[in-house]
Protein backbone atom coordinates (compact mmCIF):
# COMPACT_ATOMS: atom_id res chain seq x y z
CA UNK A 1 126.52 159.70 66.82
CA UNK A 2 126.43 163.42 67.59
CA UNK A 3 122.68 163.58 66.86
CA UNK A 4 122.07 160.57 69.06
CA UNK A 5 124.17 162.12 71.84
CA UNK A 6 122.25 165.37 71.51
CA UNK A 7 118.93 163.52 71.77
CA UNK A 8 120.17 161.72 74.91
CA UNK A 9 121.28 164.99 76.50
CA UNK A 10 118.00 166.74 75.64
CA UNK A 11 115.97 163.82 76.95
CA UNK A 12 118.01 163.76 80.16
CA UNK A 13 117.55 167.50 80.65
CA UNK A 14 113.81 167.21 80.09
CA UNK A 15 113.56 164.35 82.56
CA UNK A 16 115.64 166.28 85.08
CA UNK A 17 113.42 169.34 84.73
CA UNK A 18 110.33 167.23 85.34
CA UNK A 19 111.91 165.77 88.47
CA UNK A 20 113.11 169.10 89.80
CA UNK A 21 110.02 171.18 89.04
CA UNK A 22 107.86 169.82 91.89
CA UNK A 23 110.77 170.13 94.30
CA UNK A 24 111.38 173.73 93.32
CA UNK A 25 107.72 174.52 93.93
CA UNK A 26 107.56 172.66 97.21
CA UNK A 27 110.69 173.92 98.93
CA UNK A 28 109.48 177.40 99.78
CA UNK A 29 106.47 179.58 100.55
CA UNK A 30 105.83 183.31 100.61
CA UNK A 31 106.35 183.62 104.35
CA UNK A 32 109.76 182.00 104.05
CA UNK A 33 110.79 184.24 101.16
CA UNK A 34 109.67 187.35 103.09
CA UNK A 35 111.69 186.27 106.14
CA UNK A 36 114.77 185.50 104.05
CA UNK A 37 114.74 189.02 102.61
CA UNK A 38 114.09 190.58 106.00
CA UNK A 39 116.82 188.61 107.81
CA UNK A 40 119.32 189.63 105.14
CA UNK A 41 118.46 193.30 105.62
CA UNK A 42 118.14 193.31 109.44
CA UNK A 43 121.44 191.55 110.10
CA UNK A 44 119.91 190.17 113.32
CA UNK A 45 121.20 186.62 113.94
CA UNK A 46 117.93 185.71 115.64
CA UNK A 47 116.07 186.44 112.42
CA UNK A 48 118.42 184.18 110.48
CA UNK A 49 117.89 181.41 113.04
CA UNK A 50 114.16 181.75 112.50
CA UNK A 51 114.68 181.53 108.72
CA UNK A 52 116.68 178.36 109.24
CA UNK A 53 113.83 176.85 111.25
CA UNK A 54 111.01 177.65 108.81
CA UNK A 55 113.26 176.53 105.91
CA UNK A 56 113.29 172.92 107.06
CA UNK A 57 111.49 170.58 104.63
CA UNK A 58 109.18 169.27 107.36
CA UNK A 59 108.00 172.81 108.14
CA UNK A 60 107.39 173.68 104.49
CA UNK A 61 105.48 170.45 103.88
CA UNK A 62 103.30 170.88 106.99
CA UNK A 63 102.52 174.50 106.06
CA UNK A 64 101.35 173.34 102.63
CA UNK A 65 99.14 170.58 104.03
CA UNK A 66 97.39 173.04 106.31
CA UNK A 67 97.02 175.59 103.50
CA UNK A 68 95.39 172.95 101.31
CA UNK A 69 93.05 171.97 104.15
CA UNK A 70 92.03 175.56 105.02
CA UNK A 71 91.99 176.73 101.42
CA UNK A 72 94.32 179.68 102.09
CA UNK A 73 97.26 180.97 104.06
CA UNK A 74 97.99 184.43 105.45
CA UNK A 75 99.67 185.61 102.24
CA UNK A 76 96.66 184.67 100.13
CA UNK A 77 94.56 186.90 102.40
CA UNK A 78 97.14 189.70 102.34
CA UNK A 79 97.07 189.78 98.54
CA UNK A 80 93.35 190.54 98.65
CA UNK A 81 93.66 193.23 101.35
CA UNK A 82 94.10 196.96 100.83
CA UNK A 83 96.99 197.55 103.23
CA UNK A 84 98.91 200.79 103.91
CA UNK A 85 102.08 201.12 101.84
CA UNK A 86 104.08 201.96 104.99
CA UNK A 87 102.99 198.80 106.78
CA UNK A 88 105.88 196.55 105.88
CA UNK A 89 108.73 194.66 107.57
CA UNK A 90 111.43 196.87 108.99
CA UNK A 91 109.15 199.75 109.98
CA UNK A 92 110.09 201.06 113.43
CA UNK A 93 107.47 202.90 115.47
CA UNK A 94 108.17 205.10 118.50
CA UNK A 95 106.27 207.81 120.32
CA UNK A 96 108.15 210.37 118.20
CA UNK A 97 107.01 209.09 114.80
CA UNK A 98 103.70 207.30 115.53
CA UNK A 99 101.69 210.33 114.39
CA UNK A 100 103.19 209.95 110.92
CA UNK A 101 101.19 206.76 110.45
CA UNK A 102 97.50 207.64 110.90
CA UNK A 103 96.53 204.12 109.80
CA UNK A 104 98.08 202.64 112.97
CA UNK A 105 94.83 202.97 114.89
CA UNK A 106 93.21 200.51 112.46
CA UNK A 107 95.82 197.78 112.98
CA UNK A 108 97.50 198.32 116.33
CA UNK A 109 95.41 197.73 119.49
CA UNK A 110 94.63 201.08 121.13
CA UNK A 111 96.23 199.99 124.41
CA UNK A 112 99.53 199.05 122.74
CA UNK A 113 99.55 202.31 120.81
CA UNK A 114 99.03 204.24 124.06
CA UNK A 115 101.92 202.42 125.74
CA UNK A 116 104.33 204.13 123.35
CA UNK A 117 103.83 207.33 125.33
CA UNK A 118 102.53 206.05 128.68
CA UNK A 119 104.49 206.36 131.93
CA UNK A 120 103.69 202.76 132.89
CA UNK A 121 104.27 199.59 130.85
CA UNK A 122 106.01 201.89 128.39
CA UNK A 123 107.12 200.52 125.00
CA UNK A 124 110.16 202.34 123.67
CA UNK A 125 110.14 200.86 120.19
CA UNK A 126 107.98 198.61 118.01
CA UNK A 127 109.45 196.86 114.96
CA UNK A 128 107.30 195.27 112.26
CA UNK A 129 108.56 191.86 111.14
CA UNK A 130 107.30 189.71 108.24
CA UNK A 131 104.01 187.88 108.53
CA UNK A 132 104.42 184.16 109.19
CA UNK A 133 102.21 181.32 108.11
CA UNK A 134 101.03 179.33 111.15
CA UNK A 135 99.46 175.92 111.58
CA UNK A 136 98.79 173.38 114.30
CA UNK A 137 100.43 170.06 115.09
CA UNK A 138 100.12 166.89 113.07
CA UNK A 139 97.49 165.39 115.34
CA UNK A 140 95.15 168.30 114.63
CA UNK A 141 95.87 167.95 110.92
CA UNK A 142 95.03 164.24 110.96
CA UNK A 143 91.91 164.74 113.10
CA UNK A 144 90.53 167.61 111.04
CA UNK A 145 91.13 165.64 107.83
CA UNK A 146 89.41 162.63 109.36
CA UNK A 147 86.25 164.63 110.04
CA UNK A 148 86.24 165.88 106.47
CA UNK A 149 86.98 162.51 104.88
CA UNK A 150 84.31 160.70 106.91
CA UNK A 151 81.76 163.46 106.36
CA UNK A 152 81.31 164.01 110.10
CA UNK A 153 80.03 167.48 110.97
CA UNK A 154 80.40 168.44 114.61
CA UNK A 155 77.39 170.28 116.00
CA UNK A 156 76.53 172.70 118.79
CA UNK A 157 73.48 171.76 120.83
CA UNK A 158 70.97 174.00 122.59
CA UNK A 159 73.20 174.14 125.68
CA UNK A 160 76.08 175.38 123.54
CA UNK A 161 78.05 172.12 123.90
CA UNK A 162 80.16 170.71 121.07
CA UNK A 163 78.85 167.26 120.11
CA UNK A 164 78.95 164.53 117.48
CA UNK A 165 75.79 163.91 115.40
CA UNK A 166 74.87 161.08 117.80
CA UNK A 167 74.85 163.51 120.73
CA UNK A 168 78.10 162.35 122.39
CA UNK A 169 80.60 164.96 123.50
CA UNK A 170 83.37 166.07 121.15
CA UNK A 171 86.96 166.78 122.27
CA UNK A 172 86.84 163.54 124.25
CA UNK A 173 87.32 160.47 122.06
CA UNK A 174 86.10 159.31 118.70
CA UNK A 175 86.85 160.43 115.11
CA UNK A 176 88.57 163.78 114.90
CA UNK A 177 88.68 164.20 118.69
CA UNK A 178 91.77 166.34 118.16
CA UNK A 179 90.65 168.70 115.42
CA UNK A 180 89.51 172.18 114.50
CA UNK A 181 85.74 171.70 114.34
CA UNK A 182 84.95 174.73 112.15
CA UNK A 183 87.68 175.78 109.73
CA UNK A 184 85.50 178.61 108.42
CA UNK A 185 83.27 179.57 111.36
CA UNK A 186 80.01 181.30 110.55
CA UNK A 187 78.78 182.12 114.07
CA UNK A 188 80.27 183.30 117.32
CA UNK A 189 79.77 179.89 118.93
CA UNK A 190 81.51 178.13 116.05
CA UNK A 191 84.45 180.53 116.29
CA UNK A 192 84.54 180.10 120.07
CA UNK A 193 84.67 176.30 119.76
CA UNK A 194 87.45 176.34 117.16
CA UNK A 195 89.42 178.61 119.50
CA UNK A 196 88.66 176.37 122.49
CA UNK A 197 89.61 173.26 120.48
CA UNK A 198 93.01 174.80 119.73
CA UNK A 199 93.61 174.65 123.49
CA UNK A 200 97.37 174.66 124.15
CA UNK A 201 98.28 173.09 120.76
CA UNK A 202 100.35 170.34 122.34
CA UNK A 203 99.43 167.13 124.11
CA UNK A 204 101.78 167.92 126.99
CA UNK A 205 102.60 171.47 128.02
CA UNK A 206 105.57 171.70 130.37
CA UNK A 207 106.84 174.93 131.92
CA UNK A 208 109.74 174.35 134.27
CA UNK A 209 109.53 177.08 135.38
CA UNK A 210 107.12 179.93 134.69
CA UNK A 211 108.28 183.30 136.06
CA UNK A 212 105.53 185.76 137.02
CA UNK A 213 106.26 189.41 137.78
CA UNK A 214 104.00 192.38 138.55
CA UNK A 215 104.79 196.10 138.64
CA UNK A 216 102.98 198.98 140.30
CA UNK A 217 101.61 202.02 138.50
CA UNK A 218 104.82 203.92 139.28
CA UNK A 219 106.97 201.22 137.68
CA UNK A 220 108.18 199.36 140.75
CA UNK A 221 108.47 195.58 140.80
CA UNK A 222 106.38 194.47 143.77
CA UNK A 223 105.55 190.78 143.38
CA UNK A 224 107.42 187.89 141.83
CA UNK A 225 106.70 184.16 141.70
CA UNK A 226 108.20 181.04 140.19
CA UNK A 227 106.25 177.88 139.57
CA UNK A 228 106.24 174.70 137.52
CA UNK A 229 103.15 174.37 135.34
CA UNK A 230 101.77 171.55 133.21
CA UNK A 231 98.86 170.83 130.90
CA UNK A 232 97.59 167.54 129.54
CA UNK A 233 95.16 166.59 126.83
CA UNK A 234 93.52 163.45 128.14
CA UNK A 235 92.18 161.89 124.91
CA UNK A 236 93.31 161.01 121.41
CA UNK A 237 96.86 161.97 122.28
CA UNK A 238 99.10 161.98 119.21
CA UNK A 239 102.56 162.94 120.40
CA UNK A 240 104.24 159.76 121.56
CA UNK A 241 107.45 161.50 122.60
CA UNK A 242 105.55 163.44 125.26
CA UNK A 243 103.62 160.94 127.29
CA UNK A 244 101.07 158.22 126.56
CA UNK A 245 99.44 157.94 123.15
CA UNK A 246 95.66 157.51 123.10
CA UNK A 247 93.82 158.34 126.33
CA UNK A 248 94.98 158.78 129.92
CA UNK A 249 93.62 156.11 132.25
CA UNK A 250 91.24 157.39 134.88
CA UNK A 251 90.43 160.62 133.00
CA UNK A 252 87.38 159.37 131.11
CA UNK A 253 85.12 162.11 132.55
CA UNK A 254 87.35 165.06 131.63
CA UNK A 255 88.54 166.77 128.45
CA UNK A 256 91.86 168.15 129.72
CA UNK A 257 93.56 169.49 132.81
CA UNK A 258 96.10 172.02 134.01
CA UNK A 259 98.20 172.02 137.17
CA UNK A 260 100.67 174.32 138.92
CA UNK A 261 103.14 174.00 141.80
CA UNK A 262 104.68 177.16 143.29
CA UNK A 263 108.42 177.17 143.97
CA UNK A 264 109.05 180.78 145.08
CA UNK A 265 108.74 182.81 147.26
CA UNK A 266 109.40 180.54 150.19
CA UNK A 267 106.34 181.62 152.17
CA UNK A 268 103.99 180.06 149.60
CA UNK A 269 106.25 177.28 148.31
CA UNK A 270 104.19 174.13 147.88
CA UNK A 271 100.96 175.91 146.93
CA UNK A 272 99.48 173.60 144.29
CA UNK A 273 96.43 173.73 142.07
CA UNK A 274 94.73 171.34 139.63
CA UNK A 275 91.83 172.25 137.36
CA UNK A 276 90.17 169.64 135.13
CA UNK A 277 87.43 170.29 132.59
CA UNK A 278 84.16 168.38 132.24
CA UNK A 279 82.49 168.54 128.81
CA UNK A 280 79.09 169.42 130.29
CA UNK A 281 78.27 173.14 130.12
CA UNK A 282 76.42 173.12 133.44
CA UNK A 283 79.05 171.18 135.39
CA UNK A 284 81.76 173.15 137.19
CA UNK A 285 85.34 172.08 136.63
CA UNK A 286 87.02 169.75 139.10
CA UNK A 287 89.06 172.51 140.72
CA UNK A 288 91.22 171.98 143.81
CA UNK A 289 94.03 173.92 145.50
CA UNK A 290 96.34 172.68 148.25
CA UNK A 291 97.28 175.43 150.75
CA UNK A 292 100.53 174.43 152.51
CA UNK A 293 100.17 176.90 155.41
CA UNK A 294 96.89 175.19 156.35
CA UNK A 295 97.87 171.69 155.21
CA UNK A 296 94.47 171.50 153.59
CA UNK A 297 93.01 171.00 150.14
CA UNK A 298 90.30 173.46 149.18
CA UNK A 299 87.59 172.76 146.59
CA UNK A 300 87.06 175.84 144.39
CA UNK A 301 83.96 176.84 142.43
CA UNK A 302 83.36 178.66 139.16
CA UNK A 303 83.34 182.01 140.93
CA UNK A 304 86.77 181.26 142.42
CA UNK A 305 88.10 180.94 138.86
CA UNK A 306 87.86 184.73 138.59
CA UNK A 307 90.49 185.18 141.32
CA UNK A 308 94.19 185.78 140.58
CA UNK A 309 96.36 182.67 140.59
CA UNK A 310 98.65 184.47 143.05
CA UNK A 311 98.40 187.67 145.09
CA UNK A 312 99.33 190.79 143.14
CA UNK A 313 99.22 189.04 139.75
CA UNK A 314 96.82 189.88 136.93
CA UNK A 315 96.62 186.26 135.75
CA UNK A 316 93.35 184.67 136.87
CA UNK A 317 92.36 181.01 136.75
CA UNK A 318 89.87 181.81 133.96
CA UNK A 319 92.63 183.59 132.00
CA UNK A 320 94.87 180.52 132.25
CA UNK A 321 96.13 179.76 128.71
CA UNK A 322 94.67 183.15 127.64
CA UNK A 323 91.07 181.95 127.97
CA UNK A 324 89.72 179.06 129.95
CA UNK A 325 86.29 180.33 130.81
CA UNK A 326 83.62 177.69 130.38
CA UNK A 327 81.42 177.83 127.28
CA UNK A 328 77.89 178.32 128.63
CA UNK A 329 75.13 179.96 126.58
CA UNK A 330 73.02 180.50 129.70
CA UNK A 331 75.67 182.92 130.98
CA UNK A 332 77.32 184.32 127.85
CA UNK A 333 76.56 185.43 124.32
CA UNK A 334 79.10 184.67 121.60
CA UNK A 335 79.22 186.99 118.59
CA UNK A 336 81.50 187.56 115.61
CA UNK A 337 81.95 191.32 115.78
CA UNK A 338 83.92 191.55 112.54
CA UNK A 339 87.11 190.48 110.83
CA UNK A 340 90.24 192.16 109.56
CA UNK A 341 93.87 192.58 110.57
CA UNK A 342 95.83 193.20 113.73
CA UNK A 343 99.48 193.78 114.62
CA UNK A 344 100.45 191.16 117.20
CA UNK A 345 103.53 189.45 118.57
CA UNK A 346 105.05 186.77 116.30
CA UNK A 347 105.09 183.19 117.61
CA UNK A 348 108.90 182.96 117.42
CA UNK A 349 109.56 182.12 121.08
CA UNK A 350 111.00 178.72 120.17
CA UNK A 351 114.00 180.57 118.72
CA UNK A 352 114.16 184.03 120.35
CA UNK A 353 112.26 186.56 122.48
CA UNK A 354 110.28 189.07 120.44
CA UNK A 355 109.68 191.22 123.56
CA UNK A 356 112.63 192.59 125.55
CA UNK A 357 112.02 194.16 128.96
CA UNK A 358 114.03 196.97 130.51
CA UNK A 359 116.36 196.14 133.39
CA UNK A 360 113.71 197.07 135.96
CA UNK A 361 111.35 194.50 134.38
CA UNK A 362 108.55 197.08 134.29
CA UNK A 363 108.84 198.55 130.77
CA UNK A 364 109.78 197.39 127.28
CA UNK A 365 112.98 198.10 125.41
CA UNK A 366 111.49 196.67 122.25
CA UNK A 367 108.54 194.74 120.92
CA UNK A 368 108.25 192.98 117.57
CA UNK A 369 104.85 192.74 115.89
CA UNK A 370 103.59 191.12 112.71
CA UNK A 371 100.40 191.60 110.69
CA UNK A 372 97.81 188.87 111.27
CA UNK A 373 94.43 188.06 109.63
CA UNK A 374 91.74 187.68 112.31
CA UNK A 375 88.13 187.24 113.21
CA UNK A 376 86.91 189.39 116.12
CA UNK A 377 85.02 187.44 118.80
CA UNK A 378 82.95 189.10 121.54
CA UNK A 379 82.00 187.04 124.60
CA UNK A 380 79.38 189.02 126.51
CA UNK A 381 78.30 188.29 130.07
CA UNK A 382 74.51 187.98 130.47
CA UNK A 383 74.45 187.64 134.26
CA UNK A 384 76.00 190.94 135.34
CA UNK A 385 78.07 188.96 137.84
CA UNK A 386 81.14 187.89 135.89
CA UNK A 387 84.40 189.85 136.20
CA UNK A 388 84.29 190.75 132.50
CA UNK A 389 81.19 192.29 130.94
CA UNK A 390 82.82 191.67 127.57
CA UNK A 391 85.91 189.86 126.35
CA UNK A 392 86.92 190.92 122.82
CA UNK A 393 89.34 188.49 121.20
CA UNK A 394 91.12 188.69 117.85
CA UNK A 395 91.25 185.04 116.71
CA UNK A 396 93.84 184.15 114.07
CA UNK A 397 92.47 182.89 110.75
CA UNK A 398 95.33 180.43 110.27
CA UNK A 399 96.13 179.40 113.84
CA UNK A 400 92.64 179.47 115.44
CA UNK A 401 94.30 181.00 118.49
CA UNK A 402 93.91 184.46 119.96
CA UNK A 403 96.34 187.14 118.82
CA UNK A 404 95.12 189.75 121.29
CA UNK A 405 92.29 190.37 123.68
CA UNK A 406 90.94 193.19 125.79
CA UNK A 407 88.27 192.92 128.46
CA UNK A 408 85.78 195.33 130.06
CA UNK A 409 84.50 195.38 133.62
CA UNK A 410 80.81 195.64 134.49
CA UNK A 411 81.00 199.45 134.38
CA UNK A 412 82.28 199.47 130.82
CA UNK A 413 85.88 200.32 131.72
CA UNK A 414 88.83 198.72 130.01
CA UNK A 415 90.05 196.05 132.39
CA UNK A 416 92.81 193.65 131.27
CA UNK A 417 94.54 192.92 128.00
CA UNK A 418 96.55 189.90 126.86
CA UNK A 419 99.42 189.94 124.36
CA UNK A 420 101.76 186.96 123.99
CA UNK A 421 104.40 185.18 121.94
CA UNK A 422 104.23 181.42 121.63
CA UNK A 423 107.18 179.07 121.40
CA UNK A 424 105.94 177.48 118.17
CA UNK A 425 107.88 174.68 116.46
CA UNK A 426 107.47 174.96 112.66
CA UNK A 427 108.61 171.40 111.96
CA UNK A 428 105.98 169.93 114.32
CA UNK A 429 103.34 172.68 114.30
CA UNK A 430 102.95 172.41 118.08
CA UNK A 431 103.55 175.18 120.59
CA UNK A 432 104.01 176.25 124.17
CA UNK A 433 104.11 179.79 125.54
CA UNK A 434 107.24 181.86 125.91
CA UNK A 435 106.06 185.35 126.90
CA UNK A 436 102.83 187.06 128.01
CA UNK A 437 101.94 190.69 128.74
CA UNK A 438 98.89 191.34 130.95
CA UNK A 439 98.04 194.92 131.93
CA UNK A 440 95.30 196.10 134.29
CA UNK A 441 93.98 199.43 132.97
CA UNK A 442 92.03 200.25 136.11
CA UNK A 443 94.91 199.95 138.58
CA UNK A 444 97.64 200.54 135.94
CA UNK A 445 99.49 197.45 137.03
CA UNK A 446 101.66 195.51 134.60
CA UNK A 447 102.17 191.74 134.79
CA UNK A 448 104.50 189.67 132.67
CA UNK A 449 104.93 185.93 132.37
CA UNK A 450 108.08 184.34 131.01
CA UNK A 451 107.92 180.58 130.51
CA UNK A 452 110.73 178.11 130.05
CA UNK A 453 109.07 175.47 127.88
CA UNK A 454 110.55 171.98 128.07
CA UNK A 455 110.37 169.84 124.93
CA UNK A 456 112.50 166.77 125.57
CA UNK A 457 111.77 163.86 127.88
CA UNK A 458 108.47 165.32 129.04
CA UNK A 459 107.12 161.78 129.39
CA UNK A 460 109.85 161.01 131.92
CA UNK A 461 108.91 163.92 134.19
CA UNK A 462 105.15 164.24 133.89
CA UNK A 463 102.67 161.67 135.14
CA UNK A 464 99.11 161.28 136.42
CA UNK A 465 100.23 162.31 139.91
CA UNK A 466 100.72 165.89 138.71
CA UNK A 467 96.98 166.10 137.94
CA UNK A 468 95.89 164.87 141.36
CA UNK A 469 96.31 167.68 143.89
CA UNK A 470 96.65 165.32 146.84
CA UNK A 471 99.69 163.76 145.16
CA UNK A 472 100.98 166.95 143.55
CA UNK A 473 101.42 168.47 147.04
CA UNK A 474 104.43 166.16 147.48
CA UNK A 475 105.95 167.06 144.11
CA UNK A 476 109.14 168.60 145.55
């Protein structure tokens, strides 16, 4: 009897170990373990809240699916890299100790490094936090898998347009319409299109509101705006809790669209703009702005897209969502200038703010940064007429989204940068923006954008009327 009981116990233990082994392997990843250790040492409740979010089973499972699809995650790449021993979570960098880390210039953008000691847009302290593993929403996962499973290879034609093998436009409808077209880009155009395809990484973007501020070179707040802002993908919509699934009626000619309605200050309240993208490289966007003081709607052109969205702001219509310039090989060259690593803001805005401004809103009390694997994309103007002679963008190797960019004017001067933190939801893989830094290095003006992303009941608030400027004018 004892021998039989022993055999039963041993068999039960063996069966239990078989059942538990896959679960033990599947309920964590290296990013989560790094954040657990860091949160325990930092004692910051925000860090623990982030750990709680990336610990959810849905987040861990989605991270694994994307890793399997890409063939790697950020920690796989880190293990192969020769990184400085000092570059680890918990490191604090200030103007007083930055010289102790000569390797900083190889990982931290020069502009950010200079802001540690600058008298405008000053950063008092940078803290390194653990590297995350990022991925896109489930619709992108399904679409990218569909392309792979059906053996469909998206192509780039002579005009630089992204197309299916039959010549029809991608990013519209059809298999894998919501997808990353080139998981391992080999050319600048392929990298550009994967970045463009990332778009806003949600079917419905909803900022109610977005708060825009700008400071002068002597650190004085001199312009401030509030607006509601929306973005819609028009085709192959996946997220049923945020508007229609499938395609939006009446938007068959466009890929996507963005719209904005200004709330403050009172003298421009009611200013509204809608910009919708055609897939054709040589066709200007459908781009209209309603000007309440004139009671007129103005049709804007591609050159107008280089103007600021509002007076005194450094955000232009072409910098909307970091980069919304049109892909056009007759006007631009697209080159992979290299690859490597960059320190950039973590996408933790769904839980907490990684950048904290001073009370005057014109400097930074603190800024968190994490190490990210990137490709470096140069978009070079061939016409000599565009506002940027070159736009250098560090595109994330997991997220296919920019982690930082810096532009040059036509004289070769540094012009504007862009540094942001997304409000990224680990359980869904989708994101909206939370915070953006834009600095003008010619005028030494600092602009910041703080967004209040709305997640719930977006389908109850947002409709086709918000993407028709003649109806949007009556929004509020």
